[in-house]
């Protein structure tokens, strides 16, 4: 994780092998994303999120978006099941928009399937309707890698 890439070989974009495994005592994985940031020729900072691996039989839309993985959280009990998502995800991804002249960074973000948010447990304990609290009852936890920097 992390590092510096310098002087890309002529005509070649960086390729990343990405592999994520869920915690054995936690929720399944929804997707892996690569977040790319770069500077344009005029110095403007840009960022783009690429969905690179995902669970279940969903298909990537032409705009790069994915249909939500679903949600198995029971709002009455705060329990969820691992009937959706996958225990592990992997892929090899190559930057389709690579510009060898532009500084850039890349990092990996892994999302779990939805799980109960702590406020859902509070609402259940207090006998409140979880939909009437100020926070969503579920959350998709995330893990992030260290960035990999590219310098022309």
Foldseek 3Di string as FASTA:
>chain_A
DAEEAEDDDPPFFDKDKDKDFDDPVDFAWAFKKKKKWWADPVGDIDIDIATDKGWDDWDQDPVRDTDAQDFQQDLLPQDGDRPTHHRMIIDMDTDPPDDLAIKMKMKMKIWGHKGADVVSVVCNVVVHRQVPDPDHGIDIDMDMDYMYIYDD
